[in-house]
Every structure is written in C-alpha cells, then in structure tokens.
Amino acid sequence: MHPRLQLDAAIAPHPFRNPSRIATVLFPLMLPGCTGAPAMNVVGSFFPAWMLCALIGIASAVVLRQVLMLCGLESYVVAPLLTHGAVALAVTLSVWLLFFGH
C-alpha cells in the first residue's frame, strides 16, 4: 500500500465512531413508534395523563401511611421514605398500565 494512502486512511475517522452520526442514523428509526402524548380533558383543559397517575400514586402512599399509623404498624417499617416512595411508584405505574397501556 502506498504510504500516502495509508496515512489518509489512518487520519480519516470511521463514520460510526462519532456518536452524533450514530444518533443521526438511529433516532429516525425509533420515531415511528412514537405517538401523541396521552392527555385527558379535565374541566375543559388537557391534563397530562402521567401527572394524574403520579397524583394517584402519591395519594395512595399517603393513605397507606395513615392506615399503617392507625394500626400501629408504622414503627415496623424499616425505611419509610423508601417504602412509601416505592408504593407510590408501583401504584403510579400500575394505574398507567391499567388505563393507558396498550
């Protein structure tokens, strides 16, 4: 191989070593799976569905905490912030799948 050609090949970057080129190729391939964001009509204005699901999840964690306090079991919860946060997340995702999952 000619030394000049070998030097040019070493300097020229491979087309897929640049992350922006990879993104330019891959992102349009993922777009056909996107649809419009689910929104609900609440009192005449469109409300993001994920926010409603999050509010339901947070409210359920608060209710669970109150029930545990009334039963005297709140002191047995080892990591209350983590536990109640996990309950809120689980209920949020369950409500999302129940009403908006395909």
N, C-alpha and C. Protein backbone atom coordinates (compact mmCIF):
# COMPACT_ATOMS: atom_id res chain seq x y z
N MET A 1 0.85 -1.17 0.00
CA MET A 1 0.00 0.00 0.00
C MET A 1 0.90 1.23 0.00
N HIS A 2 0.49 2.22 -0.72
CA HIS A 2 1.24 3.47 -0.81
C HIS A 2 1.22 4.18 0.55
N PRO A 3 2.36 4.75 1.01
CA PRO A 3 2.39 5.39 2.33
C PRO A 3 1.40 6.53 2.47
N ARG A 4 1.18 7.26 1.40
CA ARG A 4 0.24 8.39 1.46
C ARG A 4 -1.19 7.89 1.68
N LEU A 5 -1.57 6.82 1.02
CA LEU A 5 -2.91 6.26 1.19
C LEU A 5 -3.08 5.68 2.60
N GLN A 6 -2.03 5.07 3.11
CA GLN A 6 -2.09 4.52 4.46
C GLN A 6 -2.27 5.63 5.49
N LEU A 7 -1.59 6.78 5.30
CA LEU A 7 -1.71 7.91 6.20
C LEU A 7 -3.11 8.50 6.14
N ASP A 8 -3.68 8.63 4.93
CA ASP A 8 -5.04 9.16 4.79
C ASP A 8 -6.06 8.25 5.46
N ALA A 9 -5.86 6.96 5.35
CA ALA A 9 -6.80 6.02 5.97
C ALA A 9 -6.72 6.10 7.49
N ALA A 10 -5.53 6.38 8.02
CA ALA A 10 -5.38 6.47 9.47
C ALA A 10 -5.98 7.77 10.01
N ILE A 11 -5.96 8.84 9.21
CA ILE A 11 -6.47 10.13 9.66
C ILE A 11 -7.99 10.20 9.53
N ALA A 12 -8.53 9.63 8.47
CA ALA A 12 -9.97 9.71 8.22
C ALA A 12 -10.72 8.92 9.29
N PRO A 13 -11.67 9.55 9.98
CA PRO A 13 -12.41 8.83 11.02
C PRO A 13 -13.40 7.86 10.41
N HIS A 14 -13.61 6.80 11.13
CA HIS A 14 -14.64 5.84 10.72
C HIS A 14 -16.00 6.53 10.87
N PRO A 15 -16.92 6.33 9.94
CA PRO A 15 -18.19 7.08 10.02
C PRO A 15 -19.02 6.80 11.27
N PHE A 16 -18.85 5.63 11.90
CA PHE A 16 -19.67 5.32 13.07
C PHE A 16 -18.91 5.47 14.38
N ARG A 17 -17.74 6.09 14.36
CA ARG A 17 -17.04 6.38 15.62
C ARG A 17 -17.52 7.67 16.24
N ASN A 18 -18.22 8.47 15.50
CA ASN A 18 -18.74 9.74 16.00
C ASN A 18 -20.15 9.50 16.54
N PRO A 19 -20.40 9.71 17.83
CA PRO A 19 -21.73 9.44 18.39
C PRO A 19 -22.85 10.23 17.74
N SER A 20 -22.57 11.43 17.27
CA SER A 20 -23.64 12.21 16.65
C SER A 20 -24.07 11.58 15.33
N ARG A 21 -23.17 10.94 14.64
CA ARG A 21 -23.55 10.26 13.40
C ARG A 21 -24.39 9.02 13.71
N ILE A 22 -24.04 8.34 14.78
CA ILE A 22 -24.83 7.17 15.18
C ILE A 22 -26.24 7.62 15.54
N ALA A 23 -26.35 8.71 16.30
CA ALA A 23 -27.66 9.22 16.69
C ALA A 23 -28.45 9.67 15.47
N THR A 24 -27.77 10.26 14.51
CA THR A 24 -28.44 10.72 13.30
C THR A 24 -29.05 9.55 12.54
N VAL A 25 -28.42 8.41 12.60
CA VAL A 25 -28.93 7.23 11.91
C VAL A 25 -29.99 6.52 12.74
N LEU A 26 -29.78 6.38 14.06
CA LEU A 26 -30.66 5.56 14.87
C LEU A 26 -31.94 6.26 15.31
N PHE A 27 -31.89 7.54 15.63
CA PHE A 27 -33.08 8.22 16.15
C PHE A 27 -34.24 8.23 15.17
N PRO A 28 -34.04 8.51 13.89
CA PRO A 28 -35.19 8.44 12.98
C PRO A 28 -35.80 7.05 12.88
N LEU A 29 -35.00 6.01 13.12
CA LEU A 29 -35.55 4.65 13.09
C LEU A 29 -36.47 4.38 14.26
N MET A 30 -36.29 5.11 15.36
CA MET A 30 -37.13 4.92 16.55
C MET A 30 -38.40 5.78 16.53
N LEU A 31 -38.46 6.76 15.69
CA LEU A 31 -39.59 7.67 15.69
C LEU A 31 -40.93 7.06 15.27
N PRO A 32 -40.97 6.09 14.39
CA PRO A 32 -42.28 5.55 14.04
C PRO A 32 -43.05 4.96 15.22
N GLY A 33 -42.36 4.58 16.30
CA GLY A 33 -43.03 4.05 17.48
C GLY A 33 -43.66 5.12 18.35
N CYS A 34 -43.35 6.38 18.10
CA CYS A 34 -43.87 7.47 18.92
C CYS A 34 -45.27 7.86 18.44
N THR A 35 -46.13 8.09 19.38
CA THR A 35 -47.45 8.61 19.08
C THR A 35 -47.64 9.86 19.92
N GLY A 36 -48.79 10.46 19.81
CA GLY A 36 -49.06 11.65 20.60
C GLY A 36 -49.10 11.32 22.08
N ALA A 37 -48.81 12.30 22.91
CA ALA A 37 -48.82 12.10 24.35
C ALA A 37 -50.26 11.94 24.83
N PRO A 38 -50.52 10.97 25.69
CA PRO A 38 -51.87 10.80 26.21
C PRO A 38 -52.25 11.98 27.10
N ALA A 39 -53.37 12.56 26.83
CA ALA A 39 -53.86 13.68 27.63
C ALA A 39 -55.34 13.47 27.90
N MET A 40 -55.78 13.96 29.03
CA MET A 40 -57.18 13.82 29.41
C MET A 40 -57.81 15.20 29.49
N ASN A 41 -59.05 15.27 29.11
CA ASN A 41 -59.77 16.53 29.19
C ASN A 41 -60.36 16.64 30.59
N VAL A 42 -59.76 17.51 31.41
CA VAL A 42 -60.22 17.72 32.79
C VAL A 42 -60.72 19.15 32.89
N VAL A 43 -61.99 19.33 33.09
CA VAL A 43 -62.64 20.63 33.24
C VAL A 43 -62.26 21.56 32.08
N GLY A 44 -62.27 21.03 30.88
CA GLY A 44 -62.06 21.85 29.70
C GLY A 44 -60.62 22.07 29.29
N SER A 45 -59.64 21.61 30.07
CA SER A 45 -58.24 21.76 29.66
C SER A 45 -57.59 20.39 29.62
N PHE A 46 -56.65 20.25 28.71
CA PHE A 46 -55.99 18.96 28.58
C PHE A 46 -54.92 18.81 29.66
N PHE A 47 -54.96 17.71 30.35
CA PHE A 47 -54.13 17.44 31.50
C PHE A 47 -53.26 16.23 31.18
N PRO A 48 -51.95 16.32 31.39
CA PRO A 48 -51.11 15.15 31.08
C PRO A 48 -51.49 13.94 31.93
N ALA A 49 -51.65 12.84 31.29
CA ALA A 49 -52.11 11.63 31.98
C ALA A 49 -51.08 11.14 32.99
N TRP A 50 -49.79 11.31 32.70
CA TRP A 50 -48.77 10.83 33.64
C TRP A 50 -48.86 11.58 34.96
N MET A 51 -49.26 12.86 34.90
CA MET A 51 -49.35 13.64 36.13
C MET A 51 -50.52 13.16 36.98
N LEU A 52 -51.61 12.81 36.34
CA LEU A 52 -52.75 12.27 37.07
C LEU A 52 -52.39 10.94 37.71
N CYS A 53 -51.67 10.09 36.99
CA CYS A 53 -51.23 8.81 37.55
C CYS A 53 -50.29 9.02 38.73
N ALA A 54 -49.40 10.00 38.64
CA ALA A 54 -48.47 10.30 39.73
C ALA A 54 -49.23 10.79 40.96
N LEU A 55 -50.23 11.62 40.77
CA LEU A 55 -51.03 12.11 41.90
C LEU A 55 -51.78 10.97 42.58
N ILE A 56 -52.30 10.04 41.79
CA ILE A 56 -52.99 8.88 42.37
C ILE A 56 -52.00 8.02 43.16
N GLY A 57 -50.79 7.83 42.63
CA GLY A 57 -49.77 7.05 43.33
C GLY A 57 -49.34 7.69 44.63
N ILE A 58 -49.13 9.00 44.62
CA ILE A 58 -48.74 9.71 45.84
C ILE A 58 -49.86 9.66 46.87
N ALA A 59 -51.09 9.86 46.43
CA ALA A 59 -52.23 9.81 47.35
C ALA A 59 -52.37 8.42 47.96
N SER A 60 -52.12 7.38 47.18
CA SER A 60 -52.22 6.03 47.72
C SER A 60 -51.13 5.77 48.77
N ALA A 61 -49.93 6.31 48.56
CA ALA A 61 -48.86 6.14 49.56
C ALA A 61 -49.21 6.88 50.85
N VAL A 62 -49.82 8.05 50.73
CA VAL A 62 -50.23 8.80 51.92
C VAL A 62 -51.33 8.03 52.67
N VAL A 63 -52.28 7.48 51.93
CA VAL A 63 -53.35 6.71 52.57
C VAL A 63 -52.78 5.46 53.25
N LEU A 64 -51.84 4.79 52.58
CA LEU A 64 -51.22 3.61 53.18
C LEU A 64 -50.50 3.98 54.48
N ARG A 65 -49.81 5.10 54.48
CA ARG A 65 -49.11 5.55 55.71
C ARG A 65 -50.11 5.81 56.83
N GLN A 66 -51.22 6.45 56.51
CA GLN A 66 -52.24 6.72 57.54
C GLN A 66 -52.83 5.42 58.08
N VAL A 67 -53.06 4.47 57.20
CA VAL A 67 -53.61 3.17 57.64
C VAL A 67 -52.61 2.46 58.54
N LEU A 68 -51.33 2.48 58.16
CA LEU A 68 -50.31 1.86 58.99
C LEU A 68 -50.19 2.55 60.35
N MET A 69 -50.34 3.87 60.36
CA MET A 69 -50.28 4.59 61.64
C MET A 69 -51.48 4.24 62.52
N LEU A 70 -52.67 4.14 61.93
CA LEU A 70 -53.86 3.78 62.71
C LEU A 70 -53.75 2.37 63.29
N CYS A 71 -53.13 1.47 62.54
CA CYS A 71 -52.98 0.09 63.00
C CYS A 71 -51.79 -0.08 63.94
N GLY A 72 -50.95 0.95 64.06
CA GLY A 72 -49.78 0.86 64.92
C GLY A 72 -48.61 0.12 64.28
N LEU A 73 -48.61 0.01 62.97
CA LEU A 73 -47.57 -0.74 62.28
C LEU A 73 -46.52 0.16 61.63
N GLU A 74 -46.68 1.46 61.70
CA GLU A 74 -45.74 2.38 61.04
C GLU A 74 -44.34 2.26 61.63
N SER A 75 -44.23 1.95 62.92
CA SER A 75 -42.91 1.83 63.54
C SER A 75 -42.14 0.61 63.04
N TYR A 76 -42.82 -0.37 62.43
CA TYR A 76 -42.17 -1.57 61.92
C TYR A 76 -41.63 -1.39 60.50
N VAL A 77 -41.97 -0.30 59.85
CA VAL A 77 -41.46 -0.04 58.50
C VAL A 77 -40.01 0.39 58.65
N VAL A 78 -39.10 -0.35 58.04
CA VAL A 78 -37.66 -0.13 58.23
C VAL A 78 -37.20 1.17 57.60
N ALA A 79 -37.51 1.38 56.34
CA ALA A 79 -37.10 2.59 55.63
C ALA A 79 -38.37 3.26 55.09
N PRO A 80 -39.01 4.11 55.90
CA PRO A 80 -40.31 4.65 55.50
C PRO A 80 -40.28 5.45 54.20
N LEU A 81 -39.27 6.27 54.01
CA LEU A 81 -39.22 7.08 52.79
C LEU A 81 -39.09 6.19 51.56
N LEU A 82 -38.22 5.21 51.65
CA LEU A 82 -38.02 4.29 50.53
C LEU A 82 -39.27 3.42 50.31
N THR A 83 -39.85 2.94 51.38
CA THR A 83 -41.02 2.08 51.26
C THR A 83 -42.21 2.82 50.68
N HIS A 84 -42.50 3.99 51.22
CA HIS A 84 -43.66 4.74 50.72
C HIS A 84 -43.42 5.27 49.31
N GLY A 85 -42.17 5.61 49.01
CA GLY A 85 -41.85 6.02 47.64
C GLY A 85 -42.02 4.88 46.65
N ALA A 86 -41.62 3.68 47.06
CA ALA A 86 -41.80 2.51 46.20
C ALA A 86 -43.28 2.18 46.00
N VAL A 87 -44.08 2.35 47.05
CA VAL A 87 -45.52 2.12 46.92
C VAL A 87 -46.12 3.14 45.95
N ALA A 88 -45.72 4.40 46.10
CA ALA A 88 -46.24 5.44 45.20
C ALA A 88 -45.85 5.14 43.75
N LEU A 89 -44.61 4.71 43.53
CA LEU A 89 -44.16 4.40 42.18
C LEU A 89 -44.90 3.19 41.62
N ALA A 90 -45.07 2.17 42.44
CA ALA A 90 -45.77 0.96 41.98
C ALA A 90 -47.22 1.25 41.61
N VAL A 91 -47.89 2.03 42.43
CA VAL A 91 -49.28 2.38 42.12
C VAL A 91 -49.35 3.27 40.89
N THR A 92 -48.42 4.22 40.77
CA THR A 92 -48.39 5.11 39.60
C THR A 92 -48.24 4.31 38.32
N LEU A 93 -47.28 3.39 38.29
CA LEU A 93 -47.06 2.60 37.08
C LEU A 93 -48.21 1.63 36.82
N SER A 94 -48.81 1.11 37.88
CA SER A 94 -49.96 0.22 37.70
C SER A 94 -51.15 0.95 37.12
N VAL A 95 -51.42 2.15 37.62
CA VAL A 95 -52.53 2.95 37.08
C VAL A 95 -52.26 3.31 35.63
N TRP A 96 -50.99 3.65 35.32
CA TRP A 96 -50.64 3.99 33.94
C TRP A 96 -50.90 2.80 33.01
N LEU A 97 -50.45 1.60 33.44
CA LEU A 97 -50.65 0.42 32.60
C LEU A 97 -52.12 0.04 32.50
N LEU A 98 -52.86 0.23 33.56
CA LEU A 98 -54.28 -0.14 33.56
C LEU A 98 -55.09 0.74 32.62
N PHE A 99 -54.84 2.04 32.63
CA PHE A 99 -55.65 2.96 31.85
C PHE A 99 -55.04 3.35 30.50
N PHE A 100 -53.72 3.36 30.39
CA PHE A 100 -53.08 3.87 29.18
C PHE A 100 -52.18 2.86 28.50
N GLY A 101 -52.01 1.67 29.07
CA GLY A 101 -51.16 0.66 28.45
C GLY A 101 -51.81 0.07 27.22
N HIS A 102 -50.98 -0.38 26.33
CA HIS A 102 -51.52 -0.94 25.07
C HIS A 102 -51.37 -2.43 25.10
